[in-house]
Structure formats: structure tokens, C-alpha cells
All heavy atoms as atom14 arrays in JSON, in Angstrom:
{
  "sequence": "FRREVVRPFALAARVIRVIRAIAKGDLAVEIPS",
  "atom14_mask": [
    [1, 1, 1, 1, 1, 1, 1, 1, 1, 1, 1, 0, 0, 0],
    [1, 1, 1, 1, 1, 1, 1, 1, 1, 1, 1, 0, 0, 0],
    [1, 1, 1, 1, 1, 1, 1, 1, 1, 1, 1, 0, 0, 0],
    [1, 1, 1, 1, 1, 1, 1, 1, 1, 0, 0, 0, 0, 0],
    [1, 1, 1, 1, 1, 1, 1, 0, 0, 0, 0, 0, 0, 0],
    [1, 1, 1, 1, 1, 1, 1, 0, 0, 0, 0, 0, 0, 0],
    [1, 1, 1, 1, 1, 1, 1, 1, 1, 1, 1, 0, 0, 0],
    [1, 1, 1, 1, 1, 1, 1, 0, 0, 0, 0, 0, 0, 0],
    [1, 1, 1, 1, 1, 1, 1, 1, 1, 1, 1, 0, 0, 0],
    [1, 1, 1, 1, 1, 0, 0, 0, 0, 0, 0, 0, 0, 0],
    [1, 1, 1, 1, 1, 1, 1, 1, 0, 0, 0, 0, 0, 0],
    [1, 1, 1, 1, 1, 0, 0, 0, 0, 0, 0, 0, 0, 0],
    [1, 1, 1, 1, 1, 0, 0, 0, 0, 0, 0, 0, 0, 0],
    [1, 1, 1, 1, 1, 1, 1, 1, 1, 1, 1, 0, 0, 0],
    [1, 1, 1, 1, 1, 1, 1, 0, 0, 0, 0, 0, 0, 0],
    [1, 1, 1, 1, 1, 1, 1, 1, 0, 0, 0, 0, 0, 0],
    [1, 1, 1, 1, 1, 1, 1, 1, 1, 1, 1, 0, 0, 0],
    [1, 1, 1, 1, 1, 1, 1, 0, 0, 0, 0, 0, 0, 0],
    [1, 1, 1, 1, 1, 1, 1, 1, 0, 0, 0, 0, 0, 0],
    [1, 1, 1, 1, 1, 1, 1, 1, 1, 1, 1, 0, 0, 0],
    [1, 1, 1, 1, 1, 0, 0, 0, 0, 0, 0, 0, 0, 0],
    [1, 1, 1, 1, 1, 1, 1, 1, 0, 0, 0, 0, 0, 0],
    [1, 1, 1, 1, 1, 0, 0, 0, 0, 0, 0, 0, 0, 0],
    [1, 1, 1, 1, 1, 1, 1, 1, 1, 0, 0, 0, 0, 0],
    [1, 1, 1, 1, 0, 0, 0, 0, 0, 0, 0, 0, 0, 0],
    [1, 1, 1, 1, 1, 1, 1, 1, 0, 0, 0, 0, 0, 0],
    [1, 1, 1, 1, 1, 1, 1, 1, 0, 0, 0, 0, 0, 0],
    [1, 1, 1, 1, 1, 0, 0, 0, 0, 0, 0, 0, 0, 0],
    [1, 1, 1, 1, 1, 1, 1, 0, 0, 0, 0, 0, 0, 0],
    [1, 1, 1, 1, 1, 1, 1, 1, 1, 0, 0, 0, 0, 0],
    [1, 1, 1, 1, 1, 1, 1, 1, 0, 0, 0, 0, 0, 0],
    [1, 1, 1, 1, 1, 1, 1, 0, 0, 0, 0, 0, 0, 0],
    [1, 1, 1, 1, 1, 1, 0, 0, 0, 0, 0, 0, 0, 0]
  ],
  "atom14_positions": [
    [[-11.29, 5.55, 44.48], [-11.81, 4.79, 45.6], [-11.71, 5.6, 46.84], [-12.71, 5.56, 47.73], [-10.88, 3.55, 45.69], [-11.3, 2.62, 46.79], [-12.33, 1.74, 46.63], [-10.67, 2.7, 48.1], [-12.73, 0.84, 47.59], [-11.07, 1.77, 49.0], [-12.11, 0.91, 48.91], [0.0, 0.0, 0.0], [0.0, 0.0, 0.0], [0.0, 0.0, 0.0]],
    [[-10.75, 6.41, 47.11], [-10.61, 7.14, 48.3], [-11.67, 8.24, 48.35], [-12.33, 8.5, 49.45], [-9.25, 7.87, 48.37], [-9.03, 8.76, 49.53], [-7.64, 9.41, 49.58], [-7.52, 10.23, 50.73], [-7.19, 9.91, 51.94], [-6.93, 8.6, 52.22], [-7.03, 10.79, 52.9], [0.0, 0.0, 0.0], [0.0, 0.0, 0.0], [0.0, 0.0, 0.0]],
    [[-11.99, 8.83, 47.19], [-12.89, 9.97, 47.18], [-14.41, 9.4, 47.23], [-15.25, 10.08, 47.83], [-12.82, 10.7, 45.84], [-13.67, 12.02, 45.84], [-13.45, 12.87, 44.6], [-13.91, 12.07, 43.39], [-13.78, 12.55, 42.18], [-13.22, 13.69, 41.91], [-14.3, 11.74, 41.15], [0.0, 0.0, 0.0], [0.0, 0.0, 0.0], [0.0, 0.0, 0.0]],
    [[-14.64, 8.39, 46.48], [-16.06, 7.87, 46.37], [-16.46, 6.79, 47.46], [-17.72, 6.51, 47.65], [-16.22, 7.24, 44.98], [-15.98, 8.1, 43.74], [-16.9, 9.3, 43.79], [-18.06, 9.26, 44.22], [-16.54, 10.48, 43.36], [0.0, 0.0, 0.0], [0.0, 0.0, 0.0], [0.0, 0.0, 0.0], [0.0, 0.0, 0.0], [0.0, 0.0, 0.0]],
    [[-15.52, 6.23, 48.09], [-15.8, 5.06, 49.05], [-15.4, 5.56, 50.53], [-16.13, 5.44, 51.43], [-15.25, 3.77, 48.58], [-15.62, 2.63, 49.59], [-15.74, 3.34, 47.27], [0.0, 0.0, 0.0], [0.0, 0.0, 0.0], [0.0, 0.0, 0.0], [0.0, 0.0, 0.0], [0.0, 0.0, 0.0], [0.0, 0.0, 0.0], [0.0, 0.0, 0.0]],
    [[-14.06, 5.84, 50.61], [-13.49, 6.03, 51.92], [-14.13, 7.28, 52.54], [-14.58, 7.26, 53.74], [-12.06, 6.06, 51.88], [-11.41, 6.42, 53.23], [-11.47, 4.8, 51.35], [0.0, 0.0, 0.0], [0.0, 0.0, 0.0], [0.0, 0.0, 0.0], [0.0, 0.0, 0.0], [0.0, 0.0, 0.0], [0.0, 0.0, 0.0], [0.0, 0.0, 0.0]],
    [[-14.18, 8.37, 51.75], [-14.75, 9.58, 52.33], [-16.14, 9.55, 52.67], [-16.63, 9.89, 53.81], [-14.55, 10.79, 51.33], [-13.08, 11.16, 51.3], [-12.83, 12.38, 50.31], [-13.58, 13.45, 50.86], [-13.75, 14.65, 50.06], [-13.19, 14.72, 48.89], [-14.42, 15.6, 50.6], [0.0, 0.0, 0.0], [0.0, 0.0, 0.0], [0.0, 0.0, 0.0]],
    [[-17.1, 8.82, 51.86], [-18.45, 8.76, 52.4], [-18.63, 7.93, 53.64], [-19.41, 8.28, 54.46], [-19.14, 8.09, 51.12], [-18.38, 8.38, 50.03], [-16.96, 8.54, 50.41], [0.0, 0.0, 0.0], [0.0, 0.0, 0.0], [0.0, 0.0, 0.0], [0.0, 0.0, 0.0], [0.0, 0.0, 0.0], [0.0, 0.0, 0.0], [0.0, 0.0, 0.0]],
    [[-17.76, 6.81, 53.8], [-17.84, 6.14, 55.09], [-17.35, 6.94, 56.22], [-17.86, 6.83, 57.31], [-17.05, 4.88, 55.01], [-17.86, 3.73, 54.42], [-17.68, 3.31, 53.11], [-18.74, 3.05, 55.2], [-18.33, 2.22, 52.54], [-19.58, 1.99, 54.56], [-19.31, 1.52, 53.25], [0.0, 0.0, 0.0], [0.0, 0.0, 0.0], [0.0, 0.0, 0.0]],
    [[-16.27, 7.82, 55.96], [-15.9, 8.69, 57.05], [-16.95, 9.68, 57.48], [-17.14, 9.98, 58.68], [-14.56, 9.39, 56.58], [0.0, 0.0, 0.0], [0.0, 0.0, 0.0], [0.0, 0.0, 0.0], [0.0, 0.0, 0.0], [0.0, 0.0, 0.0], [0.0, 0.0, 0.0], [0.0, 0.0, 0.0], [0.0, 0.0, 0.0], [0.0, 0.0, 0.0]],
    [[-17.69, 10.22, 56.41], [-18.77, 11.18, 56.77], [-19.85, 10.42, 57.51], [-20.47, 11.03, 58.41], [-19.31, 11.78, 55.45], [-18.32, 12.73, 54.75], [-19.03, 13.2, 53.41], [-18.12, 14.01, 55.63], [0.0, 0.0, 0.0], [0.0, 0.0, 0.0], [0.0, 0.0, 0.0], [0.0, 0.0, 0.0], [0.0, 0.0, 0.0], [0.0, 0.0, 0.0]],
    [[-20.08, 9.16, 57.11], [-21.16, 8.4, 57.85], [-20.78, 8.22, 59.27], [-21.61, 8.31, 60.12], [-21.39, 7.09, 57.16], [0.0, 0.0, 0.0], [0.0, 0.0, 0.0], [0.0, 0.0, 0.0], [0.0, 0.0, 0.0], [0.0, 0.0, 0.0], [0.0, 0.0, 0.0], [0.0, 0.0, 0.0], [0.0, 0.0, 0.0], [0.0, 0.0, 0.0]],
    [[-19.49, 7.99, 59.47], [-19.06, 7.77, 60.97], [-19.28, 9.18, 61.7], [-19.68, 9.13, 62.9], [-17.6, 7.33, 60.94], [0.0, 0.0, 0.0], [0.0, 0.0, 0.0], [0.0, 0.0, 0.0], [0.0, 0.0, 0.0], [0.0, 0.0, 0.0], [0.0, 0.0, 0.0], [0.0, 0.0, 0.0], [0.0, 0.0, 0.0], [0.0, 0.0, 0.0]],
    [[-18.98, 10.26, 61.03], [-19.22, 11.53, 61.72], [-20.65, 11.73, 61.96], [-21.03, 12.24, 63.05], [-18.72, 12.63, 60.86], [-17.15, 12.82, 60.71], [-16.68, 13.97, 59.93], [-17.15, 15.16, 60.37], [-17.08, 16.28, 59.75], [-16.46, 16.33, 58.57], [-17.55, 17.48, 60.36], [0.0, 0.0, 0.0], [0.0, 0.0, 0.0], [0.0, 0.0, 0.0]],
    [[-21.47, 11.3, 61.04], [-22.98, 11.41, 61.23], [-23.46, 10.7, 62.48], [-24.28, 11.05, 63.33], [-23.65, 11.1, 60.04], [-25.26, 11.03, 60.35], [-23.46, 12.09, 58.89], [0.0, 0.0, 0.0], [0.0, 0.0, 0.0], [0.0, 0.0, 0.0], [0.0, 0.0, 0.0], [0.0, 0.0, 0.0], [0.0, 0.0, 0.0], [0.0, 0.0, 0.0]],
    [[-22.85, 9.45, 62.66], [-23.18, 8.62, 63.75], [-22.81, 9.26, 65.14], [-23.52, 9.26, 66.01], [-22.52, 7.25, 63.66], [-23.19, 6.46, 62.55], [-22.64, 6.48, 64.96], [-22.52, 5.1, 62.15], [0.0, 0.0, 0.0], [0.0, 0.0, 0.0], [0.0, 0.0, 0.0], [0.0, 0.0, 0.0], [0.0, 0.0, 0.0], [0.0, 0.0, 0.0]],
    [[-21.57, 9.88, 65.09], [-21.12, 10.63, 66.29], [-22.02, 11.86, 66.58], [-22.3, 12.09, 67.64], [-19.74, 11.05, 66.12], [-18.71, 9.86, 66.09], [-17.25, 10.48, 66.35], [-16.79, 11.3, 65.21], [-16.15, 10.91, 64.08], [-15.92, 9.52, 63.99], [-15.79, 11.74, 63.21], [0.0, 0.0, 0.0], [0.0, 0.0, 0.0], [0.0, 0.0, 0.0]],
    [[-22.49, 12.37, 65.51], [-23.38, 13.58, 65.69], [-24.67, 13.02, 66.34], [-25.21, 13.67, 67.19], [-23.66, 14.35, 64.41], [-24.75, 15.33, 64.57], [-22.34, 15.02, 63.99], [0.0, 0.0, 0.0], [0.0, 0.0, 0.0], [0.0, 0.0, 0.0], [0.0, 0.0, 0.0], [0.0, 0.0, 0.0], [0.0, 0.0, 0.0], [0.0, 0.0, 0.0]],
    [[-25.11, 11.91, 65.76], [-26.48, 11.39, 66.28], [-26.4, 11.07, 67.8], [-27.22, 11.3, 68.57], [-26.89, 10.19, 65.52], [-27.34, 10.59, 64.08], [-28.07, 9.4, 66.16], [-27.54, 9.39, 63.15], [0.0, 0.0, 0.0], [0.0, 0.0, 0.0], [0.0, 0.0, 0.0], [0.0, 0.0, 0.0], [0.0, 0.0, 0.0], [0.0, 0.0, 0.0]],
    [[-25.15, 10.4, 68.09], [-24.98, 10.17, 69.54], [-24.87, 11.36, 70.35], [-25.37, 11.44, 71.55], [-23.6, 9.24, 69.77], [-23.77, 7.87, 69.14], [-22.4, 7.15, 69.32], [-22.5, 5.76, 68.75], [-21.43, 4.93, 68.67], [-20.21, 5.32, 69.01], [-21.63, 3.73, 68.25], [0.0, 0.0, 0.0], [0.0, 0.0, 0.0], [0.0, 0.0, 0.0]],
    [[-24.11, 12.42, 69.89], [-24.06, 13.63, 70.6], [-25.5, 14.25, 70.88], [-25.85, 14.79, 71.89], [-23.16, 14.68, 69.86], [0.0, 0.0, 0.0], [0.0, 0.0, 0.0], [0.0, 0.0, 0.0], [0.0, 0.0, 0.0], [0.0, 0.0, 0.0], [0.0, 0.0, 0.0], [0.0, 0.0, 0.0], [0.0, 0.0, 0.0], [0.0, 0.0, 0.0]],
    [[-26.36, 14.27, 69.71], [-27.63, 14.82, 69.9], [-28.51, 14.0, 70.84], [-29.27, 14.55, 71.71], [-28.34, 14.93, 68.58], [-27.63, 15.9, 67.59], [-29.87, 15.22, 68.62], [-28.14, 15.96, 66.19], [0.0, 0.0, 0.0], [0.0, 0.0, 0.0], [0.0, 0.0, 0.0], [0.0, 0.0, 0.0], [0.0, 0.0, 0.0], [0.0, 0.0, 0.0]],
    [[-28.3, 12.72, 70.88], [-28.99, 11.78, 71.81], [-28.69, 12.12, 73.24], [-29.41, 11.93, 74.17], [-28.73, 10.41, 71.46], [0.0, 0.0, 0.0], [0.0, 0.0, 0.0], [0.0, 0.0, 0.0], [0.0, 0.0, 0.0], [0.0, 0.0, 0.0], [0.0, 0.0, 0.0], [0.0, 0.0, 0.0], [0.0, 0.0, 0.0], [0.0, 0.0, 0.0]],
    [[-27.49, 12.59, 73.39], [-27.01, 12.94, 74.8], [-27.45, 14.46, 75.09], [-27.05, 14.95, 76.19], [-25.51, 12.87, 74.85], [-25.06, 11.42, 74.88], [-23.55, 11.31, 74.9], [-23.07, 9.82, 74.85], [-21.56, 9.79, 74.95], [0.0, 0.0, 0.0], [0.0, 0.0, 0.0], [0.0, 0.0, 0.0], [0.0, 0.0, 0.0], [0.0, 0.0, 0.0]],
    [[-28.01, 15.1, 74.12], [-28.49, 16.48, 74.4], [-27.6, 17.58, 73.94], [-27.87, 18.76, 74.22], [0.0, 0.0, 0.0], [0.0, 0.0, 0.0], [0.0, 0.0, 0.0], [0.0, 0.0, 0.0], [0.0, 0.0, 0.0], [0.0, 0.0, 0.0], [0.0, 0.0, 0.0], [0.0, 0.0, 0.0], [0.0, 0.0, 0.0], [0.0, 0.0, 0.0]],
    [[-26.56, 17.27, 73.22], [-25.6, 18.32, 72.68], [-26.22, 18.84, 71.4], [-25.98, 18.36, 70.35], [-24.25, 17.76, 72.5], [-23.29, 18.82, 72.03], [-23.6, 19.96, 72.07], [-22.11, 18.45, 71.72], [0.0, 0.0, 0.0], [0.0, 0.0, 0.0], [0.0, 0.0, 0.0], [0.0, 0.0, 0.0], [0.0, 0.0, 0.0], [0.0, 0.0, 0.0]],
    [[-27.08, 19.84, 71.44], [-27.7, 20.4, 70.23], [-26.98, 21.3, 69.4], [-27.24, 21.65, 68.28], [-29.04, 21.06, 70.66], [-30.05, 20.12, 71.37], [-31.3, 20.97, 71.75], [-30.43, 18.86, 70.49], [0.0, 0.0, 0.0], [0.0, 0.0, 0.0], [0.0, 0.0, 0.0], [0.0, 0.0, 0.0], [0.0, 0.0, 0.0], [0.0, 0.0, 0.0]],
    [[-25.73, 21.78, 69.93], [-24.85, 22.71, 69.31], [-23.9, 21.93, 68.38], [-23.1, 22.64, 67.69], [-24.1, 23.54, 70.29], [0.0, 0.0, 0.0], [0.0, 0.0, 0.0], [0.0, 0.0, 0.0], [0.0, 0.0, 0.0], [0.0, 0.0, 0.0], [0.0, 0.0, 0.0], [0.0, 0.0, 0.0], [0.0, 0.0, 0.0], [0.0, 0.0, 0.0]],
    [[-23.87, 20.68, 68.38], [-23.01, 19.94, 67.51], [-23.2, 20.21, 66.01], [-24.33, 20.45, 65.59], [-23.04, 18.55, 67.78], [-24.36, 17.9, 67.38], [-21.87, 17.77, 67.18], [0.0, 0.0, 0.0], [0.0, 0.0, 0.0], [0.0, 0.0, 0.0], [0.0, 0.0, 0.0], [0.0, 0.0, 0.0], [0.0, 0.0, 0.0], [0.0, 0.0, 0.0]],
    [[-22.18, 20.44, 65.24], [-22.21, 20.7, 63.8], [-22.64, 19.43, 63.17], [-22.13, 18.37, 63.27], [-20.85, 21.2, 63.35], [-20.9, 21.56, 61.89], [-19.54, 21.98, 61.35], [-18.63, 22.16, 62.21], [-19.37, 22.25, 60.17], [0.0, 0.0, 0.0], [0.0, 0.0, 0.0], [0.0, 0.0, 0.0], [0.0, 0.0, 0.0], [0.0, 0.0, 0.0]],
    [[-23.59, 19.55, 62.16], [-24.12, 18.41, 61.45], [-23.49, 18.52, 60.05], [-23.71, 19.45, 59.27], [-25.61, 18.45, 61.23], [-26.3, 18.44, 62.66], [-26.13, 17.28, 60.43], [-27.81, 18.61, 62.58], [0.0, 0.0, 0.0], [0.0, 0.0, 0.0], [0.0, 0.0, 0.0], [0.0, 0.0, 0.0], [0.0, 0.0, 0.0], [0.0, 0.0, 0.0]],
    [[-22.64, 17.5, 59.61], [-21.96, 17.43, 58.35], [-23.02, 17.15, 57.27], [-24.07, 16.55, 57.57], [-20.97, 16.36, 58.44], [-21.5, 15.45, 59.43], [-22.24, 16.26, 60.48], [0.0, 0.0, 0.0], [0.0, 0.0, 0.0], [0.0, 0.0, 0.0], [0.0, 0.0, 0.0], [0.0, 0.0, 0.0], [0.0, 0.0, 0.0], [0.0, 0.0, 0.0]],
    [[-22.69, 17.58, 56.09], [-23.58, 17.36, 54.92], [-22.81, 16.82, 53.78], [-21.63, 17.13, 53.6], [-24.34, 18.7, 54.54], [-23.29, 19.62, 54.14], [0.0, 0.0, 0.0], [0.0, 0.0, 0.0], [0.0, 0.0, 0.0], [0.0, 0.0, 0.0], [0.0, 0.0, 0.0], [0.0, 0.0, 0.0], [0.0, 0.0, 0.0], [0.0, 0.0, 0.0]]
  ]
}
């Protein structure tokens, strides 16, 4: 459950933060995969 559910949601939260950073113009932010 931790590997298949919790970690994907954590990665999704990181992606949202990255999207917000890119929206603010921070193009050097690392994009998780």
C-alpha cells in the first residue's frame, strides 16, 4: 500500500508543486518522473 498508493500520491504532489513553480517562471526546477 505504501509503495503502490502513498508514493504515487506523493509524486503527484511534487508534480503539482513543479507545475506551480513553472507557472511562476522557475524553469530550472527538477521535474520528477
